[in-house]
Amino acid sequence: MEVNEMTKPNIINGLDLMFSSLELFLVDTNLLFFLERRFGKGLITMN
């Protein structure tokens, strides 16, 4: 019983960490895509 009580929080923490890192990755890629599009448009208008 003690082992199960010890491992459950670790598994939950691991899942939380995985989801938060995935969320950060998605936000980062969306930000990069958005900035790239804006930068590209800026270059086009400058030329």
N, C-alpha and C. Protein backbone atom coordinates (compact mmCIF):
# COMPACT_ATOMS: atom_id res chain seq x y z
N MET A 1 0.83 -1.20 0.00
CA MET A 1 0.00 0.00 0.00
C MET A 1 0.87 1.25 0.00
N GLU A 2 1.95 1.21 0.77
CA GLU A 2 2.82 2.39 0.85
C GLU A 2 3.45 2.71 -0.50
N VAL A 3 3.85 1.66 -1.22
CA VAL A 3 4.48 1.86 -2.53
C VAL A 3 3.50 2.52 -3.49
N ASN A 4 2.24 2.05 -3.50
CA ASN A 4 1.24 2.63 -4.39
C ASN A 4 1.01 4.10 -4.07
N GLU A 5 0.96 4.44 -2.80
CA GLU A 5 0.75 5.83 -2.41
C GLU A 5 1.94 6.69 -2.82
N MET A 6 3.12 6.09 -2.86
CA MET A 6 4.31 6.84 -3.25
C MET A 6 4.35 7.06 -4.77
N THR A 7 3.95 6.04 -5.54
CA THR A 7 4.09 6.13 -7.00
C THR A 7 2.98 6.96 -7.64
N LYS A 8 1.80 6.97 -7.07
CA LYS A 8 0.69 7.71 -7.68
C LYS A 8 1.01 9.19 -7.89
N PRO A 9 1.48 9.92 -6.87
CA PRO A 9 1.79 11.34 -7.09
C PRO A 9 2.87 11.54 -8.14
N ASN A 10 3.85 10.63 -8.21
CA ASN A 10 4.92 10.75 -9.21
C ASN A 10 4.35 10.64 -10.63
N ILE A 11 3.44 9.71 -10.83
CA ILE A 11 2.83 9.52 -12.15
C ILE A 11 2.03 10.76 -12.51
N ILE A 12 1.26 11.29 -11.56
CA ILE A 12 0.44 12.48 -11.81
C ILE A 12 1.35 13.67 -12.12
N ASN A 13 2.42 13.83 -11.35
CA ASN A 13 3.36 14.92 -11.61
C ASN A 13 4.00 14.78 -12.98
N GLY A 14 4.34 13.58 -13.36
CA GLY A 14 4.93 13.33 -14.67
C GLY A 14 3.98 13.72 -15.79
N LEU A 15 2.71 13.36 -15.65
CA LEU A 15 1.72 13.71 -16.66
C LEU A 15 1.53 15.21 -16.72
N ASP A 16 1.46 15.86 -15.56
CA ASP A 16 1.31 17.31 -15.53
C ASP A 16 2.48 17.98 -16.23
N LEU A 17 3.68 17.49 -15.96
CA LEU A 17 4.88 18.06 -16.57
C LEU A 17 4.85 17.88 -18.08
N MET A 18 4.42 16.68 -18.52
CA MET A 18 4.35 16.38 -19.94
C MET A 18 3.36 17.31 -20.64
N PHE A 19 2.18 17.47 -20.05
CA PHE A 19 1.17 18.32 -20.67
C PHE A 19 1.58 19.78 -20.68
N SER A 20 2.20 20.23 -19.60
CA SER A 20 2.61 21.64 -19.54
C SER A 20 3.72 21.92 -20.56
N SER A 21 4.64 20.97 -20.73
CA SER A 21 5.71 21.16 -21.71
C SER A 21 5.15 21.11 -23.13
N LEU A 22 4.15 20.23 -23.34
CA LEU A 22 3.51 20.15 -24.65
C LEU A 22 2.79 21.46 -24.96
N GLU A 23 2.09 22.00 -23.94
CA GLU A 23 1.38 23.27 -24.11
C GLU A 23 2.36 24.39 -24.43
N LEU A 24 3.49 24.42 -23.70
CA LEU A 24 4.52 25.44 -23.96
C LEU A 24 5.06 25.30 -25.37
N PHE A 25 5.29 24.05 -25.81
CA PHE A 25 5.81 23.81 -27.16
C PHE A 25 4.83 24.33 -28.21
N LEU A 26 3.52 24.05 -28.01
CA LEU A 26 2.51 24.50 -28.97
C LEU A 26 2.44 26.01 -29.00
N VAL A 27 2.50 26.64 -27.84
CA VAL A 27 2.45 28.11 -27.76
C VAL A 27 3.68 28.69 -28.45
N ASP A 28 4.85 28.09 -28.20
CA ASP A 28 6.09 28.57 -28.82
C ASP A 28 6.02 28.48 -30.34
N THR A 29 5.55 27.34 -30.86
CA THR A 29 5.50 27.17 -32.31
C THR A 29 4.49 28.12 -32.92
N ASN A 30 3.35 28.34 -32.25
CA ASN A 30 2.36 29.29 -32.75
C ASN A 30 2.93 30.70 -32.76
N LEU A 31 3.66 31.07 -31.71
CA LEU A 31 4.28 32.39 -31.64
C LEU A 31 5.30 32.55 -32.76
N LEU A 32 6.13 31.52 -32.96
CA LEU A 32 7.14 31.58 -34.02
C LEU A 32 6.48 31.71 -35.38
N PHE A 33 5.42 30.95 -35.61
CA PHE A 33 4.70 30.99 -36.88
C PHE A 33 4.11 32.38 -37.10
N PHE A 34 3.52 32.94 -36.05
CA PHE A 34 2.91 34.27 -36.13
C PHE A 34 3.96 35.33 -36.42
N LEU A 35 5.08 35.27 -35.68
CA LEU A 35 6.15 36.24 -35.88
C LEU A 35 6.75 36.11 -37.28
N GLU A 36 6.91 34.88 -37.73
CA GLU A 36 7.48 34.64 -39.06
C GLU A 36 6.57 35.23 -40.13
N ARG A 37 5.27 35.05 -39.98
CA ARG A 37 4.33 35.59 -40.95
C ARG A 37 4.38 37.11 -40.95
N ARG A 38 4.41 37.71 -39.77
CA ARG A 38 4.46 39.18 -39.67
C ARG A 38 5.78 39.69 -40.25
N PHE A 39 6.86 39.01 -39.94
CA PHE A 39 8.18 39.42 -40.43
C PHE A 39 8.23 39.30 -41.95
N GLY A 40 7.67 38.20 -42.46
CA GLY A 40 7.63 38.00 -43.91
C GLY A 40 6.83 39.09 -44.60
N LYS A 41 5.67 39.42 -44.04
CA LYS A 41 4.84 40.49 -44.62
C LYS A 41 5.59 41.81 -44.56
N GLY A 42 6.30 42.05 -43.44
CA GLY A 42 7.06 43.29 -43.32
C GLY A 42 8.15 43.39 -44.38
N LEU A 43 8.82 42.27 -44.65
CA LEU A 43 9.86 42.25 -45.68
C LEU A 43 9.26 42.52 -47.05
N ILE A 44 8.10 41.92 -47.29
CA ILE A 44 7.44 42.08 -48.60
C ILE A 44 7.06 43.54 -48.80
N THR A 45 6.50 44.18 -47.75
CA THR A 45 6.07 45.57 -47.90
C THR A 45 7.27 46.50 -48.02
N MET A 46 8.39 46.13 -47.38
CA MET A 46 9.60 46.96 -47.48
C MET A 46 10.14 46.92 -48.91
N ASN A 47 10.13 45.75 -49.53
CA ASN A 47 10.61 45.64 -50.90
C ASN A 47 9.60 46.26 -51.84
